[in-house]
Protein backbone atom coordinates (compact mmCIF):
# COMPACT_ATOMS: atom_id res chain seq x y z
CA UNK A 1 0.00 0.00 0.00
CA UNK A 2 1.50 3.34 -1.04
CA UNK A 3 -1.25 5.59 0.33
CA UNK A 4 -2.53 6.58 -3.10
CA UNK A 5 -6.35 6.72 -3.64
CA UNK A 6 -7.70 3.74 -5.59
CA UNK A 7 -8.10 4.33 -9.31
CA UNK A 8 -11.42 4.15 -11.08
CA UNK A 9 -12.30 0.62 -12.13
CA UNK A 10 -11.74 0.02 -15.83
CA UNK A 11 -13.21 -2.61 -18.12
CA UNK A 12 -10.98 -2.24 -21.13
CA UNK A 13 -8.81 0.08 -23.15
CA UNK A 14 -9.56 2.29 -26.10
CA UNK A 15 -7.63 2.18 -29.36
CA UNK A 16 -6.26 5.68 -28.88
CA UNK A 17 -3.32 5.97 -26.48
CA UNK A 18 -4.38 2.97 -24.35
CA UNK A 19 -6.85 5.19 -22.48
CA UNK A 20 -8.80 3.39 -19.72
CA UNK A 21 -12.50 2.95 -20.42
CA UNK A 22 -14.84 3.33 -17.45
CA UNK A 23 -18.32 1.70 -17.31
CA UNK A 24 -19.89 5.09 -18.09
CA UNK A 25 -17.67 5.50 -21.15
CA UNK A 26 -18.60 1.99 -22.22
CA UNK A 27 -22.33 2.79 -22.05
CA UNK A 28 -21.79 5.94 -24.11
CA UNK A 29 -19.77 4.01 -26.67
CA UNK A 30 -22.44 1.30 -26.90
CA UNK A 31 -25.07 3.98 -27.46
CA UNK A 32 -23.01 5.53 -30.25
CA UNK A 33 -22.39 2.09 -31.74
CA UNK A 34 -26.13 1.39 -31.85
CA UNK A 35 -26.82 4.83 -33.30
CA UNK A 36 -24.22 4.40 -36.05
CA UNK A 37 -25.42 0.86 -36.79
CA UNK A 38 -28.98 2.10 -37.27
CA UNK A 39 -27.81 4.74 -39.71
CA UNK A 40 -25.77 2.14 -41.58
CA UNK A 41 -28.85 -0.12 -41.66
CA UNK A 42 -30.92 2.77 -43.02
CA UNK A 43 -28.41 3.48 -45.78
CA UNK A 44 -28.21 -0.24 -46.54
CA UNK A 45 -31.97 -0.32 -47.01
CA UNK A 46 -31.56 2.66 -49.32
CA UNK A 47 -29.08 0.70 -51.45
CA UNK A 48 -31.52 -2.22 -51.54
CA UNK A 49 -34.35 0.09 -52.62
CA UNK A 50 -32.16 1.55 -55.38
CA UNK A 51 -31.24 -1.93 -56.60
CA UNK A 52 -34.85 -3.04 -56.73
CA UNK A 53 -36.01 0.10 -58.53
CA UNK A 54 -33.24 -0.05 -61.13
CA UNK A 55 -33.90 -3.76 -61.71
CA UNK A 56 -37.61 -3.05 -62.11
CA UNK A 57 -36.89 -0.23 -64.56
CA UNK A 58 -34.57 -2.44 -66.63
CA UNK A 59 -37.13 -5.24 -66.81
CA UNK A 60 -39.96 -2.91 -67.77
CA UNK A 61 -37.82 -1.03 -70.29
CA UNK A 62 -36.34 -3.96 -72.20
CA UNK A 63 -39.08 -6.56 -71.93
CA UNK A 64 -42.27 -4.48 -72.00
CA UNK A 65 -41.01 -1.25 -73.58
CA UNK A 66 -42.35 0.76 -70.66
CA UNK A 67 -39.52 2.73 -68.96
CA UNK A 68 -40.22 3.84 -65.42
CA UNK A 69 -39.21 7.49 -65.46
CA UNK A 70 -39.69 8.01 -61.74
CA UNK A 71 -36.74 5.70 -61.05
CA UNK A 72 -34.22 8.24 -62.36
CA UNK A 73 -35.28 10.90 -59.88
CA UNK A 74 -35.82 8.67 -56.86
CA UNK A 75 -32.52 6.84 -57.24
CA UNK A 76 -30.74 10.20 -57.51
CA UNK A 77 -32.31 11.34 -54.23
CA UNK A 78 -31.50 8.02 -52.57
CA UNK A 79 -27.90 8.15 -53.77
CA UNK A 80 -27.41 11.56 -52.14
CA UNK A 81 -28.98 10.29 -48.92
CA UNK A 82 -26.84 7.14 -48.83
CA UNK A 83 -23.58 9.00 -49.42
CA UNK A 84 -24.07 11.83 -46.94
CA UNK A 85 -25.94 9.96 -44.19
CA UNK A 86 -23.38 7.18 -44.31
CA UNK A 87 -20.33 9.44 -44.14
CA UNK A 88 -20.57 10.02 -40.36
CA UNK A 89 -20.85 6.37 -39.25
CA UNK A 90 -18.05 5.41 -41.65
CA UNK A 91 -15.85 8.07 -40.06
CA UNK A 92 -16.78 6.83 -36.58
CA UNK A 93 -15.67 3.32 -37.54
CA UNK A 94 -12.44 4.57 -39.09
CA UNK A 95 -13.49 3.61 -42.61
CA UNK A 96 -12.38 6.74 -44.44
CA UNK A 97 -9.07 6.79 -46.32
CA UNK A 98 -6.19 7.94 -44.13
CA UNK A 99 -2.69 8.84 -45.31
CA UNK A 100 -0.24 8.17 -42.47
CA UNK A 101 3.10 8.02 -44.29
CA UNK A 102 4.40 10.84 -42.12
CA UNK A 103 2.23 10.75 -38.99
CA UNK A 104 2.90 7.07 -38.33
CA UNK A 105 6.54 7.96 -37.61
CA UNK A 106 5.67 10.66 -35.08
CA UNK A 107 5.42 10.27 -31.32
CA UNK A 108 1.99 9.34 -29.96
CA UNK A 109 1.69 12.68 -28.17
CA UNK A 110 2.43 14.56 -31.40
CA UNK A 111 -0.08 12.38 -33.27
CA UNK A 112 -2.74 13.28 -30.71
CA UNK A 113 -2.03 16.99 -31.06
CA UNK A 114 -2.21 16.81 -34.84
CA UNK A 115 -5.45 14.84 -34.55
CA UNK A 116 -6.98 17.58 -32.42
CA UNK A 117 -5.88 20.25 -34.91
CA UNK A 118 -7.14 18.42 -38.00
CA UNK A 119 -10.46 17.54 -36.36
CA UNK A 120 -10.97 21.16 -35.27
CA UNK A 121 -10.23 22.44 -38.78
CA UNK A 122 -12.52 19.80 -40.31
CA UNK A 123 -15.40 20.71 -37.98
CA UNK A 124 -15.00 24.41 -38.80
CA UNK A 125 -14.95 23.79 -42.56
CA UNK A 126 -17.93 21.46 -42.39
CA UNK A 127 -19.80 24.13 -40.44
CA UNK A 128 -19.37 26.48 -43.40
CA UNK A 129 -20.46 23.80 -45.88
CA UNK A 130 -23.51 22.96 -43.75
CA UNK A 131 -24.55 26.60 -43.72
CA UNK A 132 -24.15 26.99 -47.49
CA UNK A 133 -25.97 23.75 -48.34
CA UNK A 134 -28.78 24.63 -45.95
CA UNK A 135 -29.15 28.00 -47.64
CA UNK A 136 -29.31 26.26 -51.05
CA UNK A 137 -31.91 23.81 -49.75
CA UNK A 138 -34.11 26.57 -48.33
CA UNK A 139 -33.74 28.50 -51.59
CA UNK A 140 -34.85 25.44 -53.58
CA UNK A 141 -37.87 25.10 -51.32
CA UNK A 142 -38.84 28.76 -51.57
CA UNK A 143 -38.39 28.98 -55.34
CA UNK A 144 -40.10 25.65 -56.02
CA UNK A 145 -37.23 24.06 -57.95
CA UNK A 146 -38.14 20.63 -59.27
CA UNK A 147 -36.36 17.67 -60.89
CA UNK A 148 -36.01 17.45 -64.66
CA UNK A 149 -37.97 14.23 -65.22
CA UNK A 150 -40.86 13.86 -62.79
CA UNK A 151 -40.92 17.38 -61.33
CA UNK A 152 -40.25 16.20 -57.81
CA UNK A 153 -39.24 19.02 -55.42
CA UNK A 154 -35.44 19.18 -55.34
CA UNK A 155 -35.23 20.19 -51.71
CA UNK A 156 -36.31 16.66 -50.74
CA UNK A 157 -33.03 15.30 -52.06
CA UNK A 158 -30.94 18.33 -51.14
CA UNK A 159 -31.88 18.24 -47.44
CA UNK A 160 -29.87 15.05 -46.98
CA UNK A 161 -26.64 16.95 -47.67
CA UNK A 162 -26.70 19.25 -44.61
CA UNK A 163 -28.29 16.51 -42.49
CA UNK A 164 -25.52 14.09 -43.38
CA UNK A 165 -22.85 16.70 -42.75
CA UNK A 166 -24.37 17.50 -39.35
CA UNK A 167 -24.06 13.81 -38.50
CA UNK A 168 -20.47 13.91 -39.70
CA UNK A 169 -19.72 16.88 -37.43
CA UNK A 170 -21.37 15.06 -34.52
CA UNK A 171 -19.11 12.03 -34.91
CA UNK A 172 -16.07 14.27 -35.40
CA UNK A 173 -16.87 16.09 -32.15
CA UNK A 174 -17.17 12.70 -30.42
CA UNK A 175 -13.75 11.75 -31.76
CA UNK A 176 -12.29 15.12 -30.73
CA UNK A 177 -13.57 14.72 -27.17
CA UNK A 178 -12.23 11.16 -27.07
CA UNK A 179 -8.77 12.27 -28.20
CA UNK A 180 -8.69 15.11 -25.67
CA UNK A 181 -9.80 12.80 -22.86
CA UNK A 182 -7.12 10.36 -23.95
CA UNK A 183 -4.47 13.06 -23.70
CA UNK A 184 -5.71 14.13 -20.27
CA UNK A 185 -5.80 10.54 -19.00
CA UNK A 186 -2.32 9.89 -20.40
CA UNK A 187 -1.03 13.01 -18.63
CA UNK A 188 -2.55 11.89 -15.32
CA UNK A 189 -0.99 8.45 -15.66
CA UNK A 190 2.40 9.97 -16.41
CA UNK A 191 2.17 12.21 -13.32
CA UNK A 192 1.12 9.25 -11.16
CA UNK A 193 4.06 7.21 -12.46
CA UNK A 194 6.49 10.04 -11.72
CA UNK A 195 5.07 10.46 -8.21
CA UNK A 196 5.37 6.74 -7.66
CA UNK A 197 9.00 6.74 -8.74
CA UNK A 198 9.79 9.69 -6.47
CA UNK A 199 8.09 8.02 -3.48
CA UNK A 200 10.23 4.95 -4.03
């Protein structure tokens, strides 16, 4: 016994910096996992719907000579929704392309600092894009812009762009908080180790 207060019970370690995961953190992570899985399921259903509609259009076009014009517009809307709604969960799972030719050779502390900087810049830039795309969507709604084939309102498809980017920002903020907590926990562990060495 060295007189130090007992540390918080941990149930595992995160991928970043070996940061301890408390039961509360685990519950939050499980909630985020379920949330991201539901979005992925939703986008997967969108891909299935696109596949069925395109297959139906091909069959009707080539076998009965009756092209289904609505398919062009609906699949375009669905494609936008799938891409932008799925971007956030893919980021959360680390599925986006990462170039680490340089950063992989840096110290873990430097990598964490760069991660904080790049995430902060990304969130700021996405905030600008969200604003601009929301303005465009509202403008399309107010002016009554419609699609070229079936005259569907364009804002229905456009709204998925800012919504998807908002989800992306949400998951980026989660990652930013996780990295910062990892740095703080690593700093506390280092201080505890130094104190332990001094006491010995």
